[in-house]
Amino acid sequence: HTAGQSGVQYAHVAADLAALGYRVIVPDFPGHGRSEPAAHGPVTDLGEYAQFALTVLDQLGIDRFVVVGCSIGGKITIDLAVRAGSRIRAAVAMAAGADAGHVSVRGLTRELNDISTPSRSDRTYWGTRAVVGSAVSEERRSVIARMHCREDPIISNSDLIGWGRHDVSANLPNIACPTILVAGEDDLWIDAEAIRRDAESIP
């Protein structure tokens, strides 16, 4: 799932994947959705989420898997493609690249304390609307933006700090599973050309 969100984002696609014959597992990362907070506080290292995902799979006795993720989930997907070796059968990373994302880590860290600016809810709502693809209907765009307003701002900012620090680009040549990187034309968070270069670095 994306920064600050939960597995509810997969409510529709999970059924479609199951209909294709997959066993679908949609975890909430620590501090998100129905998961308890991480023991040491909000996570700012997306590698911790990748390890969490592997721990969940181990607890369920799942040795081989396919992983799908979007935004921070896409970065975690790429991390898992590097980290999991022969365990991973395929990876689909959407709206994410392998290098550190383009955000102001300093600004996000400062915003962990509430500040006197337009409300976080307003920034979340309008910021989400700005990056939803133009092919999405106005009604659906509004629903997606309102759902993002449910986020805990401390968790969301911590996730985005992780986005701005996480870089596994040097390890892309070690990925051994079929991998698809997806970049939308309307996505203001990523550079489609950089995603294409990442894809070319994966054997």
N, C-alpha and C. Protein backbone atom coordinates (compact mmCIF):
# COMPACT_ATOMS: atom_id res chain seq x y z
N HIS A 1 0.83 -1.19 0.00
CA HIS A 1 0.00 0.00 0.00
C HIS A 1 0.87 1.25 0.00
N THR A 2 0.24 2.39 -0.20
CA THR A 2 0.97 3.64 -0.32
C THR A 2 1.24 4.25 1.06
N ALA A 3 1.98 5.36 1.08
CA ALA A 3 2.37 6.01 2.34
C ALA A 3 1.15 6.35 3.18
N GLY A 4 1.18 5.96 4.45
CA GLY A 4 0.13 6.30 5.39
C GLY A 4 -1.16 5.52 5.22
N GLN A 5 -1.26 4.71 4.20
CA GLN A 5 -2.50 4.02 3.90
C GLN A 5 -2.49 2.59 4.44
N SER A 6 -3.32 1.72 3.89
CA SER A 6 -3.43 0.34 4.38
C SER A 6 -3.85 -0.56 3.23
N GLY A 7 -3.99 -1.83 3.55
CA GLY A 7 -4.38 -2.81 2.55
C GLY A 7 -5.75 -2.59 1.97
N VAL A 8 -6.55 -1.69 2.55
CA VAL A 8 -7.87 -1.41 1.99
C VAL A 8 -7.74 -0.92 0.54
N GLN A 9 -6.58 -0.38 0.18
CA GLN A 9 -6.37 0.06 -1.20
C GLN A 9 -6.45 -1.09 -2.20
N TYR A 10 -6.30 -2.32 -1.71
CA TYR A 10 -6.35 -3.49 -2.60
C TYR A 10 -7.70 -4.20 -2.54
N ALA A 11 -8.70 -3.55 -1.96
CA ALA A 11 -10.01 -4.19 -1.78
C ALA A 11 -10.59 -4.69 -3.09
N HIS A 12 -10.39 -3.94 -4.18
CA HIS A 12 -10.97 -4.34 -5.47
C HIS A 12 -10.05 -5.30 -6.23
N VAL A 13 -8.77 -4.96 -6.31
CA VAL A 13 -7.86 -5.76 -7.13
C VAL A 13 -7.56 -7.12 -6.50
N ALA A 14 -7.65 -7.24 -5.19
CA ALA A 14 -7.37 -8.53 -4.54
C ALA A 14 -8.30 -9.61 -5.07
N ALA A 15 -9.57 -9.29 -5.25
CA ALA A 15 -10.52 -10.28 -5.77
C ALA A 15 -10.17 -10.67 -7.20
N ASP A 16 -9.72 -9.69 -8.00
CA ASP A 16 -9.34 -10.00 -9.38
C ASP A 16 -8.12 -10.92 -9.43
N LEU A 17 -7.15 -10.67 -8.54
CA LEU A 17 -5.96 -11.52 -8.48
C LEU A 17 -6.34 -12.93 -8.01
N ALA A 18 -7.22 -13.01 -7.02
CA ALA A 18 -7.66 -14.32 -6.53
C ALA A 18 -8.38 -15.09 -7.64
N ALA A 19 -9.15 -14.38 -8.46
CA ALA A 19 -9.86 -15.03 -9.57
C ALA A 19 -8.89 -15.61 -10.59
N LEU A 20 -7.67 -15.09 -10.64
CA LEU A 20 -6.64 -15.63 -11.53
C LEU A 20 -5.93 -16.84 -10.92
N GLY A 21 -6.31 -17.20 -9.69
CA GLY A 21 -5.75 -18.38 -9.05
C GLY A 21 -4.69 -18.11 -8.00
N TYR A 22 -4.43 -16.83 -7.71
CA TYR A 22 -3.44 -16.51 -6.68
C TYR A 22 -4.06 -16.55 -5.30
N ARG A 23 -3.26 -16.98 -4.31
CA ARG A 23 -3.62 -16.75 -2.91
C ARG A 23 -3.15 -15.33 -2.61
N VAL A 24 -4.05 -14.45 -2.22
CA VAL A 24 -3.73 -13.04 -2.07
C VAL A 24 -3.63 -12.68 -0.59
N ILE A 25 -2.50 -12.12 -0.19
CA ILE A 25 -2.27 -11.69 1.18
C ILE A 25 -1.98 -10.20 1.13
N VAL A 26 -2.75 -9.42 1.87
CA VAL A 26 -2.62 -7.96 1.84
C VAL A 26 -2.32 -7.47 3.26
N PRO A 27 -1.04 -7.37 3.62
CA PRO A 27 -0.72 -6.92 4.98
C PRO A 27 -0.79 -5.40 5.11
N ASP A 28 -1.07 -4.94 6.31
CA ASP A 28 -0.90 -3.54 6.69
C ASP A 28 0.47 -3.43 7.34
N PHE A 29 1.30 -2.50 6.88
CA PHE A 29 2.59 -2.32 7.50
C PHE A 29 2.42 -1.82 8.94
N PRO A 30 3.41 -2.00 9.80
CA PRO A 30 3.29 -1.54 11.19
C PRO A 30 2.84 -0.08 11.28
N GLY A 31 1.85 0.17 12.14
CA GLY A 31 1.34 1.53 12.32
C GLY A 31 0.29 1.93 11.31
N HIS A 32 -0.04 1.05 10.37
CA HIS A 32 -1.01 1.34 9.32
C HIS A 32 -2.22 0.44 9.48
N GLY A 33 -3.40 0.96 9.11
CA GLY A 33 -4.60 0.13 9.11
C GLY A 33 -4.82 -0.58 10.43
N ARG A 34 -4.88 -1.89 10.37
CA ARG A 34 -5.16 -2.69 11.57
C ARG A 34 -3.91 -3.21 12.28
N SER A 35 -2.73 -2.85 11.77
CA SER A 35 -1.49 -3.30 12.42
C SER A 35 -1.16 -2.41 13.61
N GLU A 36 -0.56 -3.03 14.62
CA GLU A 36 -0.08 -2.26 15.76
C GLU A 36 1.12 -1.42 15.34
N PRO A 37 1.39 -0.33 16.08
CA PRO A 37 2.56 0.49 15.75
C PRO A 37 3.85 -0.32 15.88
N ALA A 38 4.86 0.10 15.15
CA ALA A 38 6.18 -0.50 15.31
C ALA A 38 6.66 -0.24 16.74
N ALA A 39 7.34 -1.18 17.32
CA ALA A 39 7.74 -1.10 18.73
C ALA A 39 8.59 0.13 19.02
N HIS A 40 9.43 0.55 18.07
CA HIS A 40 10.34 1.67 18.29
C HIS A 40 9.81 2.97 17.69
N GLY A 41 8.54 3.04 17.34
CA GLY A 41 7.94 4.25 16.80
C GLY A 41 7.84 4.21 15.29
N PRO A 42 7.31 5.29 14.68
CA PRO A 42 7.11 5.32 13.23
C PRO A 42 8.38 4.97 12.46
N VAL A 43 8.22 4.23 11.38
CA VAL A 43 9.33 3.70 10.59
C VAL A 43 9.72 4.72 9.51
N THR A 44 11.02 5.00 9.41
CA THR A 44 11.52 5.88 8.36
C THR A 44 12.50 5.17 7.43
N ASP A 45 12.61 3.85 7.57
CA ASP A 45 13.48 3.04 6.71
C ASP A 45 12.60 1.99 6.02
N LEU A 46 12.37 2.16 4.73
CA LEU A 46 11.47 1.24 4.02
C LEU A 46 12.01 -0.18 4.00
N GLY A 47 13.30 -0.35 4.23
CA GLY A 47 13.86 -1.70 4.34
C GLY A 47 13.26 -2.47 5.50
N GLU A 48 12.86 -1.74 6.56
CA GLU A 48 12.20 -2.40 7.70
C GLU A 48 10.86 -2.99 7.27
N TYR A 49 10.15 -2.28 6.39
CA TYR A 49 8.88 -2.81 5.89
C TYR A 49 9.11 -4.04 5.01
N ALA A 50 10.18 -4.02 4.21
CA ALA A 50 10.49 -5.19 3.39
C ALA A 50 10.76 -6.40 4.29
N GLN A 51 11.53 -6.19 5.35
CA GLN A 51 11.80 -7.29 6.28
C GLN A 51 10.53 -7.74 6.98
N PHE A 52 9.65 -6.78 7.32
CA PHE A 52 8.35 -7.12 7.91
C PHE A 52 7.56 -8.03 6.97
N ALA A 53 7.54 -7.70 5.68
CA ALA A 53 6.81 -8.52 4.71
C ALA A 53 7.37 -9.93 4.67
N LEU A 54 8.70 -10.06 4.69
CA LEU A 54 9.31 -11.39 4.69
C LEU A 54 8.96 -12.15 5.97
N THR A 55 8.91 -11.45 7.09
CA THR A 55 8.55 -12.10 8.35
C THR A 55 7.11 -12.61 8.30
N VAL A 56 6.20 -11.81 7.74
CA VAL A 56 4.81 -12.25 7.58
C VAL A 56 4.75 -13.52 6.73
N LEU A 57 5.49 -13.53 5.62
CA LEU A 57 5.50 -14.71 4.75
C LEU A 57 6.07 -15.93 5.49
N ASP A 58 7.12 -15.71 6.26
CA ASP A 58 7.70 -16.82 7.04
C ASP A 58 6.68 -17.36 8.05
N GLN A 59 5.99 -16.46 8.73
CA GLN A 59 4.99 -16.88 9.72
C GLN A 59 3.86 -17.68 9.08
N LEU A 60 3.56 -17.37 7.83
CA LEU A 60 2.50 -18.08 7.10
C LEU A 60 3.02 -19.32 6.37
N GLY A 61 4.32 -19.57 6.45
CA GLY A 61 4.91 -20.74 5.81
C GLY A 61 4.95 -20.63 4.30
N ILE A 62 5.06 -19.42 3.78
CA ILE A 62 5.08 -19.20 2.33
C ILE A 62 6.52 -19.02 1.88
N ASP A 63 6.99 -19.91 1.02
CA ASP A 63 8.38 -19.85 0.57
C ASP A 63 8.53 -19.05 -0.72
N ARG A 64 7.63 -19.26 -1.70
CA ARG A 64 7.72 -18.57 -2.98
C ARG A 64 6.54 -17.63 -3.13
N PHE A 65 6.77 -16.47 -3.71
CA PHE A 65 5.70 -15.48 -3.79
C PHE A 65 5.93 -14.51 -4.93
N VAL A 66 4.87 -13.83 -5.31
CA VAL A 66 4.88 -12.70 -6.23
C VAL A 66 4.51 -11.49 -5.38
N VAL A 67 5.13 -10.35 -5.63
CA VAL A 67 4.82 -9.15 -4.84
C VAL A 67 4.39 -8.01 -5.75
N VAL A 68 3.38 -7.25 -5.28
CA VAL A 68 2.85 -6.09 -5.99
C VAL A 68 2.79 -4.94 -5.01
N GLY A 69 3.25 -3.75 -5.41
CA GLY A 69 3.18 -2.60 -4.53
C GLY A 69 3.13 -1.30 -5.29
N CYS A 70 2.61 -0.26 -4.63
CA CYS A 70 2.46 1.05 -5.25
C CYS A 70 3.05 2.13 -4.34
N SER A 71 3.76 3.08 -4.91
CA SER A 71 4.37 4.19 -4.20
C SER A 71 5.39 3.64 -3.18
N ILE A 72 5.24 3.88 -1.86
CA ILE A 72 6.23 3.26 -0.97
C ILE A 72 6.16 1.74 -1.11
N GLY A 73 4.96 1.22 -1.39
CA GLY A 73 4.82 -0.22 -1.63
C GLY A 73 5.59 -0.66 -2.87
N GLY A 74 5.70 0.23 -3.87
CA GLY A 74 6.50 -0.07 -5.06
C GLY A 74 7.97 -0.11 -4.73
N LYS A 75 8.43 0.84 -3.90
CA LYS A 75 9.83 0.82 -3.47
C LYS A 75 10.13 -0.45 -2.66
N ILE A 76 9.20 -0.83 -1.81
CA ILE A 76 9.36 -2.04 -1.00
C ILE A 76 9.37 -3.26 -1.90
N THR A 77 8.55 -3.24 -2.95
CA THR A 77 8.54 -4.34 -3.93
C THR A 77 9.91 -4.50 -4.57
N ILE A 78 10.51 -3.37 -4.99
CA ILE A 78 11.84 -3.44 -5.60
C ILE A 78 12.86 -3.95 -4.58
N ASP A 79 12.75 -3.48 -3.34
CA ASP A 79 13.64 -3.95 -2.27
C ASP A 79 13.50 -5.46 -2.10
N LEU A 80 12.27 -5.95 -2.10
CA LEU A 80 12.05 -7.41 -1.95
C LEU A 80 12.62 -8.17 -3.14
N ALA A 81 12.51 -7.61 -4.34
CA ALA A 81 13.08 -8.27 -5.52
C ALA A 81 14.59 -8.43 -5.38
N VAL A 82 15.22 -7.44 -4.72
CA VAL A 82 16.66 -7.52 -4.45
C VAL A 82 16.93 -8.47 -3.30
N ARG A 83 16.17 -8.34 -2.22
CA ARG A 83 16.44 -8.98 -0.94
C ARG A 83 16.07 -10.46 -0.91
N ALA A 84 15.00 -10.84 -1.61
CA ALA A 84 14.42 -12.18 -1.42
C ALA A 84 15.04 -13.25 -2.30
N GLY A 85 15.89 -12.88 -3.23
CA GLY A 85 16.58 -13.87 -4.06
C GLY A 85 15.65 -14.80 -4.79
N SER A 86 15.89 -16.09 -4.66
CA SER A 86 15.11 -17.09 -5.40
C SER A 86 13.71 -17.28 -4.84
N ARG A 87 13.40 -16.69 -3.70
CA ARG A 87 12.05 -16.86 -3.13
C ARG A 87 11.00 -16.12 -3.96
N ILE A 88 11.40 -15.04 -4.61
CA ILE A 88 10.43 -14.20 -5.30
C ILE A 88 10.28 -14.64 -6.75
N ARG A 89 9.05 -14.91 -7.15
CA ARG A 89 8.77 -15.38 -8.51
C ARG A 89 8.63 -14.24 -9.50
N ALA A 90 8.05 -13.13 -9.06
CA ALA A 90 7.87 -11.97 -9.92
C ALA A 90 7.56 -10.76 -9.06
N ALA A 91 7.80 -9.56 -9.63
CA ALA A 91 7.55 -8.31 -8.91
C ALA A 91 6.90 -7.29 -9.84
N VAL A 92 5.90 -6.59 -9.31
CA VAL A 92 5.26 -5.49 -10.04
C VAL A 92 5.32 -4.27 -9.13
N ALA A 93 6.17 -3.31 -9.48
CA ALA A 93 6.36 -2.10 -8.69
C ALA A 93 5.75 -0.92 -9.44
N MET A 94 4.74 -0.30 -8.83
CA MET A 94 4.04 0.81 -9.47
C MET A 94 4.38 2.12 -8.77
N ALA A 95 4.56 3.17 -9.58
CA ALA A 95 4.73 4.53 -9.06
C ALA A 95 5.92 4.65 -8.11
N ALA A 96 7.02 4.00 -8.45
CA ALA A 96 8.21 4.03 -7.59
C ALA A 96 9.44 3.66 -8.39
N GLY A 97 10.54 4.26 -7.99
CA GLY A 97 11.83 3.90 -8.57
C GLY A 97 12.72 3.29 -7.51
N ALA A 98 13.92 2.92 -7.93
CA ALA A 98 14.84 2.24 -7.03
C ALA A 98 15.70 3.21 -6.22
N ASP A 99 15.83 4.45 -6.69
CA ASP A 99 16.70 5.38 -5.97
C ASP A 99 15.89 6.22 -4.98
N ALA A 100 16.59 7.04 -4.21
CA ALA A 100 15.93 7.87 -3.21
C ALA A 100 14.91 8.79 -3.89
N GLY A 101 13.70 8.85 -3.35
CA GLY A 101 12.65 9.67 -3.94
C GLY A 101 12.94 11.15 -3.76
N HIS A 102 12.32 11.95 -4.59
CA HIS A 102 12.56 13.40 -4.57
C HIS A 102 11.58 14.07 -3.62
N VAL A 103 11.97 14.18 -2.37
CA VAL A 103 11.20 14.89 -1.35
C VAL A 103 12.19 15.66 -0.48
N SER A 104 11.68 16.61 0.26
CA SER A 104 12.51 17.32 1.24
C SER A 104 12.44 16.57 2.56
N VAL A 105 13.43 15.72 2.82
CA VAL A 105 13.46 14.98 4.08
C VAL A 105 13.48 15.95 5.25
N ARG A 106 14.22 17.05 5.11
CA ARG A 106 14.29 18.05 6.18
C ARG A 106 12.90 18.65 6.44
N GLY A 107 12.18 19.01 5.36
CA GLY A 107 10.84 19.57 5.52
C GLY A 107 9.88 18.59 6.14
N LEU A 108 9.93 17.34 5.71
CA LEU A 108 9.05 16.32 6.27
C LEU A 108 9.35 16.07 7.73
N THR A 109 10.62 16.09 8.09
CA THR A 109 11.01 15.91 9.49
C THR A 109 10.47 17.07 10.33
N ARG A 110 10.58 18.29 9.80
CA ARG A 110 10.07 19.46 10.50
C ARG A 110 8.56 19.34 10.71
N GLU A 111 7.85 18.80 9.73
CA GLU A 111 6.39 18.69 9.81
C GLU A 111 5.92 17.59 10.76
N LEU A 112 6.83 16.82 11.32
CA LEU A 112 6.41 15.85 12.34
C LEU A 112 5.83 16.60 13.55
N ASN A 113 6.20 17.86 13.70
CA ASN A 113 5.53 18.75 14.65
C ASN A 113 4.52 19.56 13.84
N ASP A 114 3.28 19.66 14.33
CA ASP A 114 2.27 20.39 13.58
C ASP A 114 2.68 21.84 13.45
N ILE A 115 2.42 22.42 12.27
CA ILE A 115 2.88 23.77 12.00
C ILE A 115 1.72 24.62 11.51
N SER A 116 1.93 25.90 11.47
CA SER A 116 0.88 26.85 11.11
C SER A 116 0.85 27.06 9.59
N THR A 117 0.27 26.10 8.90
CA THR A 117 0.11 26.16 7.45
C THR A 117 -1.29 25.65 7.13
N PRO A 118 -1.69 25.63 5.86
CA PRO A 118 -2.98 25.00 5.57
C PRO A 118 -3.03 23.61 6.19
N SER A 119 -4.21 23.20 6.61
CA SER A 119 -4.34 21.96 7.37
C SER A 119 -3.75 20.77 6.62
N ARG A 120 -3.25 19.81 7.38
CA ARG A 120 -2.73 18.60 6.76
C ARG A 120 -3.80 17.92 5.92
N SER A 121 -5.04 17.94 6.42
CA SER A 121 -6.12 17.30 5.67
C SER A 121 -6.31 17.97 4.31
N ASP A 122 -6.27 19.30 4.29
CA ASP A 122 -6.40 20.01 3.01
C ASP A 122 -5.24 19.68 2.08
N ARG A 123 -4.01 19.69 2.63
CA ARG A 123 -2.84 19.39 1.80
C ARG A 123 -2.92 17.96 1.28
N THR A 124 -3.36 17.04 2.13
CA THR A 124 -3.47 15.64 1.71
C THR A 124 -4.53 15.49 0.63
N TYR A 125 -5.69 16.10 0.85
CA TYR A 125 -6.80 15.97 -0.10
C TYR A 125 -6.40 16.52 -1.47
N TRP A 126 -5.94 17.78 -1.51
CA TRP A 126 -5.64 18.40 -2.79
C TRP A 126 -4.37 17.83 -3.41
N GLY A 127 -3.41 17.45 -2.58
CA GLY A 127 -2.20 16.83 -3.11
C GLY A 127 -2.48 15.48 -3.75
N THR A 128 -3.38 14.70 -3.13
CA THR A 128 -3.75 13.41 -3.70
C THR A 128 -4.48 13.60 -5.02
N ARG A 129 -5.42 14.53 -5.06
CA ARG A 129 -6.15 14.79 -6.30
C ARG A 129 -5.20 15.16 -7.44
N ALA A 130 -4.12 15.87 -7.09
CA ALA A 130 -3.19 16.35 -8.11
C ALA A 130 -2.42 15.22 -8.79
N VAL A 131 -2.25 14.08 -8.10
CA VAL A 131 -1.44 13.01 -8.68
C VAL A 131 -2.26 11.81 -9.17
N VAL A 132 -3.57 11.84 -8.98
CA VAL A 132 -4.40 10.77 -9.51
C VAL A 132 -4.48 10.96 -11.03
N GLY A 133 -4.31 9.87 -11.77
CA GLY A 133 -4.25 9.95 -13.22
C GLY A 133 -5.49 10.54 -13.86
N SER A 134 -5.31 11.19 -15.01
CA SER A 134 -6.40 11.86 -15.71
C SER A 134 -7.45 10.89 -16.23
N ALA A 135 -7.12 9.60 -16.32
CA ALA A 135 -8.09 8.61 -16.77
C ALA A 135 -9.10 8.24 -15.68
N VAL A 136 -8.84 8.67 -14.44
CA VAL A 136 -9.72 8.35 -13.32
C VAL A 136 -10.88 9.35 -13.30
N SER A 137 -12.09 8.85 -13.11
CA SER A 137 -13.27 9.72 -13.10
C SER A 137 -13.21 10.71 -11.94
N GLU A 138 -13.93 11.82 -12.09
CA GLU A 138 -13.97 12.84 -11.04
C GLU A 138 -14.49 12.27 -9.73
N GLU A 139 -15.52 11.44 -9.81
CA GLU A 139 -16.09 10.84 -8.60
C GLU A 139 -15.07 9.94 -7.90
N ARG A 140 -14.38 9.10 -8.67
CA ARG A 140 -13.39 8.20 -8.08
C ARG A 140 -12.20 8.98 -7.53
N ARG A 141 -11.79 10.03 -8.22
CA ARG A 141 -10.69 10.88 -7.77
C ARG A 141 -11.00 11.46 -6.39
N SER A 142 -12.23 11.90 -6.20
CA SER A 142 -12.65 12.47 -4.92
C SER A 142 -12.64 11.41 -3.82
N VAL A 143 -13.10 10.20 -4.13
CA VAL A 143 -13.10 9.11 -3.15
C VAL A 143 -11.67 8.78 -2.72
N ILE A 144 -10.76 8.67 -3.69
CA ILE A 144 -9.37 8.34 -3.38
C ILE A 144 -8.76 9.43 -2.49
N ALA A 145 -9.02 10.69 -2.81
CA ALA A 145 -8.48 11.80 -2.02
C ALA A 145 -9.04 11.79 -0.61
N ARG A 146 -10.34 11.52 -0.47
CA ARG A 146 -10.93 11.49 0.88
C ARG A 146 -10.37 10.32 1.69
N MET A 147 -10.14 9.17 1.04
CA MET A 147 -9.57 8.02 1.75
C MET A 147 -8.17 8.35 2.27
N HIS A 148 -7.40 9.11 1.51
CA HIS A 148 -6.05 9.47 1.95
C HIS A 148 -6.09 10.38 3.18
N CYS A 149 -7.18 11.10 3.37
CA CYS A 149 -7.30 11.98 4.54
C CYS A 149 -7.45 11.20 5.84
N ARG A 150 -7.63 9.89 5.77
CA ARG A 150 -7.71 9.06 6.98
C ARG A 150 -6.34 8.82 7.59
N GLU A 151 -5.28 9.19 6.88
CA GLU A 151 -3.92 8.88 7.31
C GLU A 151 -3.58 9.52 8.65
N ASP A 152 -2.73 8.85 9.42
CA ASP A 152 -2.09 9.44 10.58
C ASP A 152 -0.92 10.26 10.02
N PRO A 153 -0.91 11.57 10.21
CA PRO A 153 0.12 12.39 9.57
C PRO A 153 1.54 12.05 10.01
N ILE A 154 1.72 11.60 11.22
CA ILE A 154 3.07 11.22 11.67
C ILE A 154 3.54 9.98 10.91
N ILE A 155 2.64 9.01 10.73
CA ILE A 155 2.99 7.80 9.98
C ILE A 155 3.25 8.16 8.52
N SER A 156 2.38 8.98 7.92
CA SER A 156 2.56 9.36 6.51
C SER A 156 3.89 10.08 6.29
N ASN A 157 4.19 11.06 7.13
CA ASN A 157 5.45 11.78 6.97
C ASN A 157 6.64 10.86 7.17
N SER A 158 6.56 9.96 8.14
CA SER A 158 7.65 9.01 8.36
C SER A 158 7.85 8.13 7.13
N ASP A 159 6.73 7.67 6.54
CA ASP A 159 6.82 6.87 5.31
C ASP A 159 7.50 7.66 4.19
N LEU A 160 7.14 8.94 4.06
CA LEU A 160 7.71 9.76 2.99
C LEU A 160 9.17 10.09 3.25
N ILE A 161 9.56 10.19 4.53
CA ILE A 161 10.98 10.32 4.85
C ILE A 161 11.71 9.06 4.36
N GLY A 162 11.09 7.89 4.60
CA GLY A 162 11.65 6.64 4.08
C GLY A 162 11.75 6.67 2.56
N TRP A 163 10.73 7.19 1.90
CA TRP A 163 10.73 7.33 0.44
C TRP A 163 11.94 8.15 -0.01
N GLY A 164 12.23 9.22 0.72
CA GLY A 164 13.32 10.11 0.34
C GLY A 164 14.71 9.58 0.64
N ARG A 165 14.79 8.52 1.42
CA ARG A 165 16.09 7.95 1.80
C ARG A 165 16.38 6.61 1.15
N HIS A 166 15.37 5.91 0.72
CA HIS A 166 15.52 4.51 0.30
C HIS A 166 16.14 4.42 -1.09
N ASP A 167 17.24 3.73 -1.22
CA ASP A 167 17.94 3.62 -2.50
C ASP A 167 18.56 2.23 -2.62
N VAL A 168 17.99 1.42 -3.52
CA VAL A 168 18.56 0.09 -3.80
C VAL A 168 19.02 0.00 -5.25
N SER A 169 19.20 1.16 -5.90
CA SER A 169 19.49 1.18 -7.34
C SER A 169 20.78 0.42 -7.69
N ALA A 170 21.77 0.44 -6.80
CA ALA A 170 23.02 -0.26 -7.10
C ALA A 170 22.82 -1.77 -7.17
N ASN A 171 21.74 -2.27 -6.58
CA ASN A 171 21.50 -3.72 -6.54
C ASN A 171 20.54 -4.21 -7.63
N LEU A 172 20.06 -3.32 -8.50
CA LEU A 172 19.13 -3.76 -9.54
C LEU A 172 19.68 -4.87 -10.42
N PRO A 173 20.98 -4.86 -10.77
CA PRO A 173 21.49 -5.96 -11.60
C PRO A 173 21.42 -7.34 -10.93
N ASN A 174 21.19 -7.37 -9.62
CA ASN A 174 21.10 -8.65 -8.90
C ASN A 174 19.69 -9.24 -8.90
N ILE A 175 18.72 -8.50 -9.42
CA ILE A 175 17.34 -9.02 -9.44
C ILE A 175 17.25 -10.15 -10.46
N ALA A 176 16.71 -11.28 -10.01
CA ALA A 176 16.67 -12.47 -10.87
C ALA A 176 15.26 -12.89 -11.26
N CYS A 177 14.24 -12.15 -10.84
CA CYS A 177 12.87 -12.54 -11.16
C CYS A 177 12.29 -11.59 -12.22
N PRO A 178 11.28 -12.05 -12.96
CA PRO A 178 10.59 -11.14 -13.87
C PRO A 178 10.06 -9.94 -13.09
N THR A 179 10.34 -8.74 -13.58
CA THR A 179 9.98 -7.52 -12.85
C THR A 179 9.37 -6.51 -13.81
N ILE A 180 8.26 -5.91 -13.38
CA ILE A 180 7.63 -4.85 -14.17
C ILE A 180 7.61 -3.59 -13.31
N LEU A 181 8.11 -2.49 -13.86
CA LEU A 181 8.04 -1.18 -13.21
C LEU A 181 7.01 -0.36 -13.97
N VAL A 182 6.05 0.21 -13.26
CA VAL A 182 4.94 0.94 -13.88
C VAL A 182 5.03 2.41 -13.50
N ALA A 183 4.99 3.29 -14.50
CA ALA A 183 5.04 4.73 -14.26
C ALA A 183 3.90 5.39 -15.03
N GLY A 184 3.10 6.20 -14.33
CA GLY A 184 2.00 6.90 -14.97
C GLY A 184 2.42 8.27 -15.49
N GLU A 185 1.88 8.67 -16.62
CA GLU A 185 2.22 9.96 -17.22
C GLU A 185 1.87 11.14 -16.32
N ASP A 186 0.83 10.99 -15.50
CA ASP A 186 0.35 12.10 -14.67
C ASP A 186 0.94 12.10 -13.26
N ASP A 187 1.86 11.19 -12.99
CA ASP A 187 2.41 11.06 -11.64
C ASP A 187 3.48 12.12 -11.40
N LEU A 188 3.20 13.06 -10.49
CA LEU A 188 4.13 14.14 -10.20
C LEU A 188 5.25 13.72 -9.25
N TRP A 189 5.14 12.52 -8.65
CA TRP A 189 6.11 12.08 -7.66
C TRP A 189 7.32 11.39 -8.29
N ILE A 190 7.18 10.96 -9.51
CA ILE A 190 8.26 10.18 -10.13
C ILE A 190 8.60 10.71 -11.51
N ASP A 191 9.77 10.33 -12.00
CA ASP A 191 10.24 10.68 -13.33
C ASP A 191 10.19 9.39 -14.17
N ALA A 192 9.30 9.37 -15.16
CA ALA A 192 9.11 8.15 -15.95
C ALA A 192 10.40 7.71 -16.63
N GLU A 193 11.23 8.67 -17.04
CA GLU A 193 12.50 8.30 -17.68
C GLU A 193 13.44 7.62 -16.69
N ALA A 194 13.43 8.07 -15.44
CA ALA A 194 14.26 7.43 -14.42
C ALA A 194 13.76 6.00 -14.17
N ILE A 195 12.45 5.81 -14.19
CA ILE A 195 11.89 4.47 -14.01
C ILE A 195 12.31 3.58 -15.17
N ARG A 196 12.31 4.14 -16.38
CA ARG A 196 12.74 3.36 -17.55
C ARG A 196 14.21 2.95 -17.41
N ARG A 197 15.03 3.85 -16.90
CA ARG A 197 16.45 3.50 -16.68
C ARG A 197 16.59 2.41 -15.63
N ASP A 198 15.79 2.49 -14.57
CA ASP A 198 15.79 1.42 -13.57
C ASP A 198 15.46 0.08 -14.22
N ALA A 199 14.42 0.09 -15.04
CA ALA A 199 13.99 -1.15 -15.70
C ALA A 199 15.12 -1.73 -16.56
N GLU A 200 15.82 -0.84 -17.24
CA GLU A 200 16.92 -1.30 -18.11
C GLU A 200 18.08 -1.87 -17.31
N SER A 201 18.17 -1.54 -16.03
CA SER A 201 19.25 -2.06 -15.17
C SER A 201 18.95 -3.44 -14.61
N ILE A 202 17.69 -3.90 -14.78
CA ILE A 202 17.29 -5.21 -14.26
C ILE A 202 17.47 -6.23 -15.38
N PRO A 203 18.24 -7.29 -15.12
CA PRO A 203 18.49 -8.26 -16.19
C PRO A 203 17.25 -8.92 -16.76
